[in-house]
Amino acid sequence: MIILEYYSITIILHPSIPSDQRLIEGKIDAETNLLDGLIFLLSKHEKVVDILISNSDLRPGYLILSNKVELKSTGKLYSPVESDMEIRIIPISHGG
């Protein structure tokens, strides 16, 4: 019997990102890398997909932060999910 482990992911969108939702939540299987998991959760929201995703990748120009760490530049975005996470997506030119 195979028991899959899932982690809860909470995505908080910066107010300058045009979207009806500021908070997106879901579960990601522990064997999924974080980028694929984020794209899966974001793709459920049509407005967000058009703004943040291009060719199965996150568009440039956004900071992806969790626990005060930028996930894309540190390579952590490409690692398997290992715990519940709160992720903030902030445009680089957010004006604040």
PDB file of N, CA and C in Angstrom:
ATOM      1  N   MET A   1       0.834  -1.176   0.000  1.00  0.00           N
ATOM      2  CA  MET A   1       0.000   0.000   0.000  1.00  0.00           C
ATOM      3  C   MET A   1       0.886   1.249   0.000  1.00  0.00           C
ATOM      4  N   ILE A   2       0.633   2.137  -0.941  1.00  0.00           N
ATOM      5  CA  ILE A   2       1.389   3.380  -1.049  1.00  0.00           C
ATOM      6  C   ILE A   2       0.585   4.498  -0.390  1.00  0.00           C
ATOM      7  N   ILE A   3       1.216   5.196   0.524  1.00  0.00           N
ATOM      8  CA  ILE A   3       0.567   6.317   1.189  1.00  0.00           C
ATOM      9  C   ILE A   3       1.242   7.599   0.702  1.00  0.00           C
ATOM     10  N   LEU A   4       0.463   8.441   0.037  1.00  0.00           N
ATOM     11  CA  LEU A   4       1.006   9.702  -0.447  1.00  0.00           C
ATOM     12  C   LEU A   4       0.915  10.760   0.643  1.00  0.00           C
ATOM     13  N   GLU A   5       1.927  11.569   0.707  1.00  0.00           N
ATOM     14  CA  GLU A   5       1.946  12.661   1.666  1.00  0.00           C
ATOM     15  C   GLU A   5       1.656  13.957   0.914  1.00  0.00           C
ATOM     16  N   TYR A   6       0.809  14.786   1.479  1.00  0.00           N
ATOM     17  CA  TYR A   6       0.453  16.057   0.868  1.00  0.00           C
ATOM     18  C   TYR A   6       0.809  17.200   1.791  1.00  0.00           C
ATOM     19  N   TYR A   7       1.135  18.340   1.180  1.00  0.00           N
ATOM     20  CA  TYR A   7       1.424  19.541   1.945  1.00  0.00           C
ATOM     21  C   TYR A   7       0.479  20.650   1.529  1.00  0.00           C
ATOM     22  N   SER A   8       0.109  21.468   2.479  1.00  0.00           N
ATOM     23  CA  SER A   8      -0.779  22.592   2.237  1.00  0.00           C
ATOM     24  C   SER A   8       0.053  23.790   1.765  1.00  0.00           C
ATOM     25  N   ILE A   9      -0.394  24.387   0.670  1.00  0.00           N
ATOM     26  CA  ILE A   9       0.279  25.565   0.120  1.00  0.00           C
ATOM     27  C   ILE A   9      -0.715  26.718   0.120  1.00  0.00           C
ATOM     28  N   THR A  10      -0.313  27.833   0.676  1.00  0.00           N
ATOM     29  CA  THR A  10      -1.114  29.053   0.665  1.00  0.00           C
ATOM     30  C   THR A  10      -0.348  30.082  -0.151  1.00  0.00           C
ATOM     31  N   ILE A  11      -0.986  30.601  -1.184  1.00  0.00           N
ATOM     32  CA  ILE A  11      -0.365  31.609  -2.047  1.00  0.00           C
ATOM     33  C   ILE A  11      -1.071  32.933  -1.778  1.00  0.00           C
ATOM     34  N   ILE A  12      -0.289  33.949  -1.453  1.00  0.00           N
ATOM     35  CA  ILE A  12      -0.832  35.291  -1.209  1.00  0.00           C
ATOM     36  C   ILE A  12      -0.354  36.195  -2.337  1.00  0.00           C
ATOM     37  N   LEU A  13      -1.307  36.757  -3.071  1.00  0.00           N
ATOM     38  CA  LEU A  13      -0.986  37.642  -4.194  1.00  0.00           C
ATOM     39  C   LEU A  13      -0.943  39.090  -3.718  1.00  0.00           C
ATOM     40  N   HIS A  14       0.077  39.802  -4.143  1.00  0.00           N
ATOM     41  CA  HIS A  14       0.217  41.219  -3.812  1.00  0.00           C
ATOM     42  C   HIS A  14      -0.987  41.983  -4.370  1.00  0.00           C
ATOM     43  N   PRO A  15      -1.455  43.026  -3.665  1.00  0.00           N
ATOM     44  CA  PRO A  15      -2.623  43.787  -4.128  1.00  0.00           C
ATOM     45  C   PRO A  15      -2.472  44.406  -5.525  1.00  0.00           C
ATOM     46  N   SER A  16      -1.249  44.619  -5.996  1.00  0.00           N
ATOM     47  CA  SER A  16      -1.072  45.209  -7.329  1.00  0.00           C
ATOM     48  C   SER A  16      -1.258  44.193  -8.462  1.00  0.00           C
ATOM     49  N   ILE A  17      -1.398  42.918  -8.136  1.00  0.00           N
ATOM     50  CA  ILE A  17      -1.658  41.895  -9.151  1.00  0.00           C
ATOM     51  C   ILE A  17      -3.170  41.850  -9.375  1.00  0.00           C
ATOM     52  N   PRO A  18      -3.622  42.174 -10.613  1.00  0.00           N
ATOM     53  CA  PRO A  18      -5.065  42.178 -10.873  1.00  0.00           C
ATOM     54  C   PRO A  18      -5.658  40.775 -10.729  1.00  0.00           C
ATOM     55  N   SER A  19      -6.488  40.585  -9.729  1.00  0.00           N
ATOM     56  CA  SER A  19      -7.113  39.296  -9.487  1.00  0.00           C
ATOM     57  C   SER A  19      -8.306  39.480  -8.556  1.00  0.00           C
ATOM     58  N   ASP A  20      -9.294  38.621  -8.705  1.00  0.00           N
ATOM     59  CA  ASP A  20     -10.444  38.635  -7.805  1.00  0.00           C
ATOM     60  C   ASP A  20     -10.080  38.002  -6.465  1.00  0.00           C
ATOM     61  N   GLN A  21      -9.003  37.234  -6.460  1.00  0.00           N
ATOM     62  CA  GLN A  21      -8.589  36.532  -5.245  1.00  0.00           C
ATOM     63  C   GLN A  21      -7.203  36.974  -4.823  1.00  0.00           C
ATOM     64  N   ARG A  22      -7.018  37.152  -3.553  1.00  0.00           N
ATOM     65  CA  ARG A  22      -5.709  37.476  -2.976  1.00  0.00           C
ATOM     66  C   ARG A  22      -5.078  36.251  -2.348  1.00  0.00           C
ATOM     67  N   LEU A  23      -5.906  35.262  -2.029  1.00  0.00           N
ATOM     68  CA  LEU A  23      -5.451  34.071  -1.320  1.00  0.00           C
ATOM     69  C   LEU A  23      -5.876  32.833  -2.113  1.00  0.00           C
ATOM     70  N   ILE A  24      -4.895  32.000  -2.448  1.00  0.00           N
ATOM     71  CA  ILE A  24      -5.160  30.747  -3.150  1.00  0.00           C
ATOM     72  C   ILE A  24      -4.573  29.637  -2.296  1.00  0.00           C
ATOM     73  N   GLU A  25      -5.378  28.627  -2.008  1.00  0.00           N
ATOM     74  CA  GLU A  25      -4.924  27.533  -1.158  1.00  0.00           C
ATOM     75  C   GLU A  25      -5.147  26.197  -1.845  1.00  0.00           C
ATOM     76  N   GLY A  26      -4.294  25.253  -1.524  1.00  0.00           N
ATOM     77  CA  GLY A  26      -4.460  23.910  -2.058  1.00  0.00           C
ATOM     78  C   GLY A  26      -3.439  22.973  -1.461  1.00  0.00           C
ATOM     79  N   LYS A  27      -3.537  21.725  -1.861  1.00  0.00           N
ATOM     80  CA  LYS A  27      -2.602  20.703  -1.381  1.00  0.00           C
ATOM     81  C   LYS A  27      -1.775  20.207  -2.560  1.00  0.00           C
ATOM     82  N   ILE A  28      -0.504  19.940  -2.274  1.00  0.00           N
ATOM     83  CA  ILE A  28       0.427  19.444  -3.284  1.00  0.00           C
ATOM     84  C   ILE A  28       1.068  18.174  -2.757  1.00  0.00           C
ATOM     85  N   ASP A  29       1.149  17.202  -3.606  1.00  0.00           N
ATOM     86  CA  ASP A  29       1.767  15.928  -3.261  1.00  0.00           C
ATOM     87  C   ASP A  29       3.265  16.132  -3.024  1.00  0.00           C
ATOM     88  N   ALA A  30       3.792  15.464  -2.032  1.00  0.00           N
ATOM     89  CA  ALA A  30       5.177  15.654  -1.577  1.00  0.00           C
ATOM     90  C   ALA A  30       6.213  15.368  -2.655  1.00  0.00           C
ATOM     91  N   GLU A  31       5.877  14.618  -3.675  1.00  0.00           N
ATOM     92  CA  GLU A  31       6.846  14.303  -4.723  1.00  0.00           C
ATOM     93  C   GLU A  31       6.866  15.350  -5.840  1.00  0.00           C
ATOM     94  N   THR A  32       6.000  16.354  -5.757  1.00  0.00           N
ATOM     95  CA  THR A  32       5.906  17.403  -6.772  1.00  0.00           C
ATOM     96  C   THR A  32       6.910  18.497  -6.464  1.00  0.00           C
ATOM     97  N   ASN A  33       7.592  19.017  -7.522  1.00  0.00           N
ATOM     98  CA  ASN A  33       8.460  20.157  -7.238  1.00  0.00           C
ATOM     99  C   ASN A  33       7.589  21.397  -7.064  1.00  0.00           C
ATOM    100  N   LEU A  34       8.087  22.359  -6.333  1.00  0.00           N
ATOM    101  CA  LEU A  34       7.306  23.516  -5.941  1.00  0.00           C
ATOM    102  C   LEU A  34       6.799  24.299  -7.154  1.00  0.00           C
ATOM    103  N   LEU A  35       7.605  24.478  -8.179  1.00  0.00           N
ATOM    104  CA  LEU A  35       7.175  25.207  -9.372  1.00  0.00           C
ATOM    105  C   LEU A  35       5.951  24.549  -9.998  1.00  0.00           C
ATOM    106  N   ASP A  36       5.998  23.240 -10.195  1.00  0.00           N
ATOM    107  CA  ASP A  36       4.852  22.532 -10.784  1.00  0.00           C
ATOM    108  C   ASP A  36       3.620  22.656  -9.892  1.00  0.00           C
ATOM    109  N   GLY A  37       3.816  22.592  -8.591  1.00  0.00           N
ATOM    110  CA  GLY A  37       2.711  22.731  -7.658  1.00  0.00           C
ATOM    111  C   GLY A  37       2.092  24.122  -7.709  1.00  0.00           C
ATOM    112  N   LEU A  38       2.926  25.151  -7.781  1.00  0.00           N
ATOM    113  CA  LEU A  38       2.414  26.514  -7.879  1.00  0.00           C
ATOM    114  C   LEU A  38       1.629  26.712  -9.167  1.00  0.00           C
ATOM    115  N   ILE A  39       2.180  26.229 -10.268  1.00  0.00           N
ATOM    116  CA  ILE A  39       1.493  26.368 -11.550  1.00  0.00           C
ATOM    117  C   ILE A  39       0.152  25.635 -11.513  1.00  0.00           C
ATOM    118  N   PHE A  40       0.123  24.450 -10.901  1.00  0.00           N
ATOM    119  CA  PHE A  40      -1.122  23.693 -10.771  1.00  0.00           C
ATOM    120  C   PHE A  40      -2.164  24.499  -9.991  1.00  0.00           C
ATOM    121  N   LEU A  41      -1.779  25.071  -8.851  1.00  0.00           N
ATOM    122  CA  LEU A  41      -2.724  25.825  -8.032  1.00  0.00           C
ATOM    123  C   LEU A  41      -3.149  27.132  -8.706  1.00  0.00           C
ATOM    124  N   LEU A  42      -2.194  27.848  -9.296  1.00  0.00           N
ATOM    125  CA  LEU A  42      -2.512  29.116  -9.956  1.00  0.00           C
ATOM    126  C   LEU A  42      -3.377  28.919 -11.193  1.00  0.00           C
ATOM    127  N   SER A  43      -3.191  27.795 -11.880  1.00  0.00           N
ATOM    128  CA  SER A  43      -3.911  27.560 -13.136  1.00  0.00           C
ATOM    129  C   SER A  43      -5.413  27.361 -12.934  1.00  0.00           C
ATOM    130  N   LYS A  44      -5.842  27.192 -11.715  1.00  0.00           N
ATOM    131  CA  LYS A  44      -7.271  27.061 -11.421  1.00  0.00           C
ATOM    132  C   LYS A  44      -7.987  28.410 -11.448  1.00  0.00           C
ATOM    133  N   HIS A  45      -7.223  29.490 -11.598  1.00  0.00           N
ATOM    134  CA  HIS A  45      -7.781  30.845 -11.569  1.00  0.00           C
ATOM    135  C   HIS A  45      -7.400  31.554 -12.870  1.00  0.00           C
ATOM    136  N   GLU A  46      -8.385  31.690 -13.763  1.00  0.00           N
ATOM    137  CA  GLU A  46      -8.148  32.173 -15.117  1.00  0.00           C
ATOM    138  C   GLU A  46      -7.419  33.512 -15.197  1.00  0.00           C
ATOM    139  N   LYS A  47      -7.833  34.492 -14.392  1.00  0.00           N
ATOM    140  CA  LYS A  47      -7.177  35.803 -14.431  1.00  0.00           C
ATOM    141  C   LYS A  47      -5.717  35.713 -14.002  1.00  0.00           C
ATOM    142  N   VAL A  48      -5.460  34.908 -13.008  1.00  0.00           N
ATOM    143  CA  VAL A  48      -4.101  34.768 -12.483  1.00  0.00           C
ATOM    144  C   VAL A  48      -3.202  34.084 -13.517  1.00  0.00           C
ATOM    145  N   VAL A  49      -3.722  33.084 -14.187  1.00  0.00           N
ATOM    146  CA  VAL A  49      -2.936  32.365 -15.198  1.00  0.00           C
ATOM    147  C   VAL A  49      -2.436  33.323 -16.268  1.00  0.00           C
ATOM    148  N   ASP A  50      -3.321  34.166 -16.780  1.00  0.00           N
ATOM    149  CA  ASP A  50      -2.948  35.100 -17.848  1.00  0.00           C
ATOM    150  C   ASP A  50      -1.854  36.064 -17.411  1.00  0.00           C
ATOM    151  N   ILE A  51      -1.822  36.402 -16.143  1.00  0.00           N
ATOM    152  CA  ILE A  51      -0.854  37.375 -15.639  1.00  0.00           C
ATOM    153  C   ILE A  51       0.465  36.732 -15.213  1.00  0.00           C
ATOM    154  N   LEU A  52       0.406  35.592 -14.538  1.00  0.00           N
ATOM    155  CA  LEU A  52       1.597  35.034 -13.893  1.00  0.00           C
ATOM    156  C   LEU A  52       2.268  33.869 -14.612  1.00  0.00           C
ATOM    157  N   ILE A  53       1.564  33.213 -15.548  1.00  0.00           N
ATOM    158  CA  ILE A  53       2.116  32.001 -16.148  1.00  0.00           C
ATOM    159  C   ILE A  53       2.253  32.146 -17.656  1.00  0.00           C
ATOM    160  N   SER A  54       3.374  31.680 -18.178  1.00  0.00           N
ATOM    161  CA  SER A  54       3.631  31.659 -19.617  1.00  0.00           C
ATOM    162  C   SER A  54       4.445  30.415 -19.948  1.00  0.00           C
ATOM    163  N   ASN A  55       3.960  29.633 -20.892  1.00  0.00           N
ATOM    164  CA  ASN A  55       4.673  28.421 -21.332  1.00  0.00           C
ATOM    165  C   ASN A  55       5.048  27.507 -20.167  1.00  0.00           C
ATOM    166  N   SER A  56       4.099  27.228 -19.295  1.00  0.00           N
ATOM    167  CA  SER A  56       4.299  26.336 -18.134  1.00  0.00           C
ATOM    168  C   SER A  56       5.417  26.791 -17.201  1.00  0.00           C
ATOM    169  N   ASP A  57       5.599  28.095 -17.104  1.00  0.00           N
ATOM    170  CA  ASP A  57       6.596  28.646 -16.185  1.00  0.00           C
ATOM    171  C   ASP A  57       6.048  29.959 -15.638  1.00  0.00           C
ATOM    172  N   LEU A  58       6.582  30.407 -14.516  1.00  0.00           N
ATOM    173  CA  LEU A  58       6.186  31.699 -13.974  1.00  0.00           C
ATOM    174  C   LEU A  58       6.848  32.798 -14.794  1.00  0.00           C
ATOM    175  N   ARG A  59       6.096  33.817 -15.104  1.00  0.00           N
ATOM    176  CA  ARG A  59       6.647  34.940 -15.875  1.00  0.00           C
ATOM    177  C   ARG A  59       7.737  35.644 -15.061  1.00  0.00           C
ATOM    178  N   PRO A  60       8.713  36.222 -15.746  1.00  0.00           N
ATOM    179  CA  PRO A  60       9.714  37.013 -15.021  1.00  0.00           C
ATOM    180  C   PRO A  60       9.070  38.287 -14.476  1.00  0.00           C
ATOM    181  N   GLY A  61       9.718  38.917 -13.520  1.00  0.00           N
ATOM    182  CA  GLY A  61       9.228  40.169 -12.974  1.00  0.00           C
ATOM    183  C   GLY A  61       8.477  40.026 -11.662  1.00  0.00           C
ATOM    184  N   TYR A  62       8.530  38.823 -11.076  1.00  0.00           N
ATOM    185  CA  TYR A  62       7.838  38.588  -9.813  1.00  0.00           C
ATOM    186  C   TYR A  62       8.776  37.953  -8.804  1.00  0.00           C
ATOM    187  N   LEU A  63       8.674  38.395  -7.561  1.00  0.00           N
ATOM    188  CA  LEU A  63       9.383  37.752  -6.468  1.00  0.00           C
ATOM    189  C   LEU A  63       8.471  36.673  -5.907  1.00  0.00           C
ATOM    190  N   ILE A  64       9.024  35.492  -5.668  1.00  0.00           N
ATOM    191  CA  ILE A  64       8.298  34.378  -5.079  1.00  0.00           C
ATOM    192  C   ILE A  64       8.954  34.146  -3.715  1.00  0.00           C
ATOM    193  N   LEU A  65       8.281  34.566  -2.653  1.00  0.00           N
ATOM    194  CA  LEU A  65       8.880  34.559  -1.313  1.00  0.00           C
ATOM    195  C   LEU A  65       8.193  33.594  -0.366  1.00  0.00           C
ATOM    196  N   SER A  66       8.992  32.946   0.469  1.00  0.00           N
ATOM    197  CA  SER A  66       8.472  32.134   1.563  1.00  0.00           C
ATOM    198  C   SER A  66       9.488  32.189   2.697  1.00  0.00           C
ATOM    199  N   ASN A  67       9.031  32.498   3.887  1.00  0.00           N
ATOM    200  CA  ASN A  67       9.912  32.610   5.060  1.00  0.00           C
ATOM    201  C   ASN A  67      11.102  33.528   4.795  1.00  0.00           C
ATOM    202  N   LYS A  68      10.833  34.663   4.160  1.00  0.00           N
ATOM    203  CA  LYS A  68      11.842  35.690   3.869  1.00  0.00           C
ATOM    204  C   LYS A  68      12.925  35.221   2.897  1.00  0.00           C
ATOM    205  N   VAL A  69      12.647  34.165   2.136  1.00  0.00           N
ATOM    206  CA  VAL A  69      13.596  33.642   1.149  1.00  0.00           C
ATOM    207  C   VAL A  69      12.966  33.753  -0.230  1.00  0.00           C
ATOM    208  N   GLU A  70      13.714  34.285  -1.201  1.00  0.00           N
ATOM    209  CA  GLU A  70      13.238  34.363  -2.576  1.00  0.00           C
ATOM    210  C   GLU A  70      13.487  32.997  -3.207  1.00  0.00           C
ATOM    211  N   LEU A  71      12.440  32.315  -3.599  1.00  0.00           N
ATOM    212  CA  LEU A  71      12.527  30.911  -3.989  1.00  0.00           C
ATOM    213  C   LEU A  71      13.125  30.675  -5.373  1.00  0.00           C
ATOM    214  N   LYS A  72      12.882  31.582  -6.307  1.00  0.00           N
ATOM    215  CA  LYS A  72      13.378  31.359  -7.670  1.00  0.00           C
ATOM    216  C   LYS A  72      14.899  31.533  -7.743  1.00  0.00           C
ATOM    217  N   SER A  73      15.410  32.648  -7.216  1.00  0.00           N
ATOM    218  CA  SER A  73      16.849  32.920  -7.313  1.00  0.00           C
ATOM    219  C   SER A  73      17.692  31.962  -6.468  1.00  0.00           C
ATOM    220  N   THR A  74      17.098  31.368  -5.433  1.00  0.00           N
ATOM    221  CA  THR A  74      17.838  30.425  -4.592  1.00  0.00           C
ATOM    222  C   THR A  74      17.718  28.985  -5.091  1.00  0.00           C
ATOM    223  N   GLY A  75      16.891  28.768  -6.119  1.00  0.00           N
ATOM    224  CA  GLY A  75      16.722  27.423  -6.668  1.00  0.00           C
ATOM    225  C   GLY A  75      15.715  26.570  -5.916  1.00  0.00           C
ATOM    226  N   LYS A  76      15.169  27.088  -4.828  1.00  0.00           N
ATOM    227  CA  LYS A  76      14.221  26.304  -4.023  1.00  0.00           C
ATOM    228  C   LYS A  76      12.896  26.080  -4.735  1.00  0.00           C
ATOM    229  N   LEU A  77      12.612  26.884  -5.746  1.00  0.00           N
ATOM    230  CA  LEU A  77      11.386  26.743  -6.517  1.00  0.00           C
ATOM    231  C   LEU A  77      11.388  25.436  -7.312  1.00  0.00           C
ATOM    232  N   TYR A  78      12.556  24.881  -7.545  1.00  0.00           N
ATOM    233  CA  TYR A  78      12.698  23.679  -8.377  1.00  0.00           C
ATOM    234  C   TYR A  78      12.890  22.412  -7.538  1.00  0.00           C
ATOM    235  N   SER A  79      12.754  22.538  -6.221  1.00  0.00           N
ATOM    236  CA  SER A  79      12.908  21.405  -5.298  1.00  0.00           C
ATOM    237  C   SER A  79      11.547  20.821  -4.947  1.00  0.00           C
ATOM    238  N   PRO A  80      11.528  19.558  -4.511  1.00  0.00           N
ATOM    239  CA  PRO A  80      10.258  18.971  -4.055  1.00  0.00           C
ATOM    240  C   PRO A  80       9.724  19.708  -2.826  1.00  0.00           C
ATOM    241  N   VAL A  81       8.419  19.737  -2.709  1.00  0.00           N
ATOM    242  CA  VAL A  81       7.768  20.351  -1.549  1.00  0.00           C
ATOM    243  C   VAL A  81       8.053  19.459  -0.340  1.00  0.00           C
ATOM    244  N   GLU A  82       8.504  20.073   0.761  1.00  0.00           N
ATOM    245  CA  GLU A  82       8.879  19.301   1.949  1.00  0.00           C
ATOM    246  C   GLU A  82       8.077  19.656   3.191  1.00  0.00           C
ATOM    247  N   SER A  83       7.229  20.688   3.088  1.00  0.00           N
ATOM    248  CA  SER A  83       6.439  21.095   4.253  1.00  0.00           C
ATOM    249  C   SER A  83       5.298  21.998   3.800  1.00  0.00           C
ATOM    250  N   ASP A  84       4.372  22.281   4.719  1.00  0.00           N
ATOM    251  CA  ASP A  84       3.342  23.269   4.434  1.00  0.00           C
ATOM    252  C   ASP A  84       4.050  24.602   4.211  1.00  0.00           C
ATOM    253  N   MET A  85       3.513  25.410   3.284  1.00  0.00           N
ATOM    254  CA  MET A  85       4.186  26.664   2.966  1.00  0.00           C
ATOM    255  C   MET A  85       3.194  27.798   2.762  1.00  0.00           C
ATOM    256  N   GLU A  86       3.636  29.004   3.103  1.00  0.00           N
ATOM    257  CA  GLU A  86       2.933  30.223   2.742  1.00  0.00           C
ATOM    258  C   GLU A  86       3.853  30.959   1.775  1.00  0.00           C
ATOM    259  N   ILE A  87       3.336  31.238   0.592  1.00  0.00           N
ATOM    260  CA  ILE A  87       4.146  31.844  -0.468  1.00  0.00           C
ATOM    261  C   ILE A  87       3.521  33.163  -0.872  1.00  0.00           C
ATOM    262  N   ARG A  88       4.343  34.185  -0.957  1.00  0.00           N
ATOM    263  CA  ARG A  88       3.881  35.507  -1.398  1.00  0.00           C
ATOM    264  C   ARG A  88       4.442  35.775  -2.796  1.00  0.00           C
ATOM    265  N   ILE A  89       3.564  36.249  -3.679  1.00  0.00           N
ATOM    266  CA  ILE A  89       3.990  36.627  -5.023  1.00  0.00           C
ATOM    267  C   ILE A  89       3.850  38.139  -5.133  1.00  0.00           C
ATOM    268  N   ILE A  90       4.992  38.782  -5.405  1.00  0.00           N
ATOM    269  CA  ILE A  90       5.055  40.244  -5.414  1.00  0.00           C
ATOM    270  C   ILE A  90       5.730  40.696  -6.709  1.00  0.00           C
ATOM    271  N   PRO A  91       5.080  41.613  -7.464  1.00  0.00           N
ATOM    272  CA  PRO A  91       5.756  42.143  -8.645  1.00  0.00           C
ATOM    273  C   PRO A  91       7.023  42.880  -8.225  1.00  0.00           C
ATOM    274  N   ILE A  92       8.053  42.771  -9.032  1.00  0.00           N
ATOM    275  CA  ILE A  92       9.302  43.451  -8.700  1.00  0.00           C
ATOM    276  C   ILE A  92       9.085  44.958  -8.675  1.00  0.00           C
ATOM    277  N   SER A  93       8.244  45.476  -9.558  1.00  0.00           N
ATOM    278  CA  SER A  93       7.960  46.912  -9.583  1.00  0.00           C
ATOM    279  C   SER A  93       6.591  47.186  -8.990  1.00  0.00           C
ATOM    280  N   HIS A  94       6.392  46.837  -7.718  1.00  0.00           N
ATOM    281  CA  HIS A  94       5.090  46.971  -7.076  1.00  0.00           C
ATOM    282  C   HIS A  94       4.814  48.366  -6.537  1.00  0.00           C
ATOM    283  N   GLY A  95       5.788  49.251  -6.608  1.00  0.00           N
ATOM    284  CA  GLY A  95       5.560  50.626  -6.213  1.00  0.00           C
ATOM    285  C   GLY A  95       5.561  50.894  -4.720  1.00  0.00           C
ATOM    286  N   GLY A  96       6.019  49.957  -3.945  1.00  0.00           N
ATOM    287  CA  GLY A  96       6.017  50.212  -2.511  1.00  0.00           C
ATOM    288  C   GLY A  96       7.170  49.648  -1.902  1.00  0.00           C
TER     289      GLY A  96
END
